[in-house]
Amino acid sequence: MPMNTIIVRMNKHEQKIFEEYAKMHDKPLSTIMKEALYKRIEDELDKESIRAYEADIQDDEVDVHSHEDMKKQLRL
């Protein structure tokens, strides 16, 4: 699959930091940047899922059971 190019502008200091980090992990800078962006997206999606879950709990739309209750229900 053909790869697209995105230009990221940075100053010399940023470039040095990012390139040293990529070298330290023995990965191309483009890979490091993609991984960082994927991680950021994943973190935001996780936070949104948690917020939605907590809102559902507040609205009594989720049944929450303790570990002990589950053991009793499962007869363990």
C-alpha atoms as a PDB file:
ATOM      1  CA  MET A   1       0.000   0.000   0.000  1.00  0.00           C
ATOM      2  CA  PRO A   2       1.450   3.398  -0.896  1.00  0.00           C
ATOM      3  CA  MET A   3       2.382   5.593   2.046  1.00  0.00           C
ATOM      4  CA  ASN A   4       1.399   9.244   2.313  1.00  0.00           C
ATOM      5  CA  THR A   5       3.657  11.978   3.595  1.00  0.00           C
ATOM      6  CA  ILE A   6       2.766  14.461   6.320  1.00  0.00           C
ATOM      7  CA  ILE A   7       4.993  17.415   7.091  1.00  0.00           C
ATOM      8  CA  VAL A   8       5.512  18.209  10.770  1.00  0.00           C
ATOM      9  CA  ARG A   9       7.137  21.517  11.546  1.00  0.00           C
ATOM     10  CA  MET A  10       9.421  21.678  14.571  1.00  0.00           C
ATOM     11  CA  ASN A  11      12.305  23.722  15.816  1.00  0.00           C
ATOM     12  CA  LYS A  12      15.859  22.362  16.052  1.00  0.00           C
ATOM     13  CA  HIS A  13      15.524  21.594  19.763  1.00  0.00           C
ATOM     14  CA  GLU A  14      12.363  19.535  19.233  1.00  0.00           C
ATOM     15  CA  GLN A  15      13.935  17.757  16.282  1.00  0.00           C
ATOM     16  CA  LYS A  16      16.986  16.829  18.343  1.00  0.00           C
ATOM     17  CA  ILE A  17      14.868  15.478  21.209  1.00  0.00           C
ATOM     18  CA  PHE A  18      12.613  13.449  18.916  1.00  0.00           C
ATOM     19  CA  GLU A  19      15.467  12.046  16.842  1.00  0.00           C
ATOM     20  CA  GLU A  20      17.422  11.056  19.959  1.00  0.00           C
ATOM     21  CA  TYR A  21      14.348   9.354  21.380  1.00  0.00           C
ATOM     22  CA  ALA A  22      13.789   7.440  18.135  1.00  0.00           C
ATOM     23  CA  LYS A  23      17.442   6.408  18.049  1.00  0.00           C
ATOM     24  CA  MET A  24      17.278   5.299  21.685  1.00  0.00           C
ATOM     25  CA  HIS A  25      14.405   2.963  20.768  1.00  0.00           C
ATOM     26  CA  ASP A  26      15.986   1.907  17.465  1.00  0.00           C
ATOM     27  CA  LYS A  27      12.918   2.971  15.479  1.00  0.00           C
ATOM     28  CA  PRO A  28      12.361   5.476  12.691  1.00  0.00           C
ATOM     29  CA  LEU A  29      11.037   8.822  13.856  1.00  0.00           C
ATOM     30  CA  SER A  30       7.902   8.336  11.753  1.00  0.00           C
ATOM     31  CA  THR A  31       7.142   5.107  13.640  1.00  0.00           C
ATOM     32  CA  ILE A  32       7.684   6.804  17.000  1.00  0.00           C
ATOM     33  CA  MET A  33       5.321   9.621  16.019  1.00  0.00           C
ATOM     34  CA  LYS A  34       2.634   7.233  14.750  1.00  0.00           C
ATOM     35  CA  GLU A  35       2.861   5.149  17.929  1.00  0.00           C
ATOM     36  CA  ALA A  36       2.567   8.274  20.083  1.00  0.00           C
ATOM     37  CA  LEU A  37      -0.496   9.455  18.181  1.00  0.00           C
ATOM     38  CA  TYR A  38      -2.154   6.028  18.347  1.00  0.00           C
ATOM     39  CA  LYS A  39      -1.480   5.941  22.103  1.00  0.00           C
ATOM     40  CA  ARG A  40      -3.017   9.401  22.533  1.00  0.00           C
ATOM     41  CA  ILE A  41      -6.123   8.380  20.580  1.00  0.00           C
ATOM     42  CA  GLU A  42      -6.407   5.150  22.576  1.00  0.00           C
ATOM     43  CA  ASP A  43      -6.103   7.041  25.876  1.00  0.00           C
ATOM     44  CA  GLU A  44      -8.831   9.503  24.868  1.00  0.00           C
ATOM     45  CA  LEU A  45     -11.170   6.692  23.796  1.00  0.00           C
ATOM     46  CA  ASP A  46     -10.515   4.879  27.089  1.00  0.00           C
ATOM     47  CA  LYS A  47     -11.275   8.030  29.074  1.00  0.00           C
ATOM     48  CA  GLU A  48     -14.506   8.554  27.143  1.00  0.00           C
ATOM     49  CA  SER A  49     -15.552   4.949  27.809  1.00  0.00           C
ATOM     50  CA  ILE A  50     -14.883   5.433  31.517  1.00  0.00           C
ATOM     51  CA  ARG A  51     -16.858   8.700  31.577  1.00  0.00           C
ATOM     52  CA  ALA A  52     -19.798   7.011  29.828  1.00  0.00           C
ATOM     53  CA  TYR A  53     -19.659   4.059  32.234  1.00  0.00           C
ATOM     54  CA  GLU A  54     -19.546   6.358  35.266  1.00  0.00           C
ATOM     55  CA  ALA A  55     -22.496   8.352  33.888  1.00  0.00           C
ATOM     56  CA  ASP A  56     -24.440   5.108  33.436  1.00  0.00           C
ATOM     57  CA  ILE A  57     -23.705   4.190  37.061  1.00  0.00           C
ATOM     58  CA  GLN A  58     -24.900   7.637  38.213  1.00  0.00           C
ATOM     59  CA  ASP A  59     -28.106   7.162  36.202  1.00  0.00           C
ATOM     60  CA  ASP A  60     -28.626   3.668  37.699  1.00  0.00           C
ATOM     61  CA  GLU A  61     -28.308   2.087  34.256  1.00  0.00           C
ATOM     62  CA  VAL A  62     -25.662  -0.405  35.414  1.00  0.00           C
ATOM     63  CA  ASP A  63     -25.964  -3.160  37.986  1.00  0.00           C
ATOM     64  CA  VAL A  64     -22.852  -3.267  40.145  1.00  0.00           C
ATOM     65  CA  HIS A  65     -22.147  -6.397  42.188  1.00  0.00           C
ATOM     66  CA  SER A  66     -19.469  -6.971  44.769  1.00  0.00           C
ATOM     67  CA  HIS A  67     -17.028  -9.834  44.533  1.00  0.00           C
ATOM     68  CA  GLU A  68     -18.784 -11.532  47.451  1.00  0.00           C
ATOM     69  CA  ASP A  69     -22.199 -11.204  45.772  1.00  0.00           C
ATOM     70  CA  MET A  70     -20.851 -12.785  42.595  1.00  0.00           C
ATOM     71  CA  LYS A  71     -19.322 -15.668  44.547  1.00  0.00           C
ATOM     72  CA  LYS A  72     -22.703 -16.312  46.180  1.00  0.00           C
ATOM     73  CA  GLN A  73     -24.530 -16.144  42.846  1.00  0.00           C
ATOM     74  CA  LEU A  74     -22.047 -18.579  41.330  1.00  0.00           C
ATOM     75  CA  ARG A  75     -22.119 -20.753  44.466  1.00  0.00           C
ATOM     76  CA  LEU A  76     -18.377 -20.576  44.925  1.00  0.00           C
END
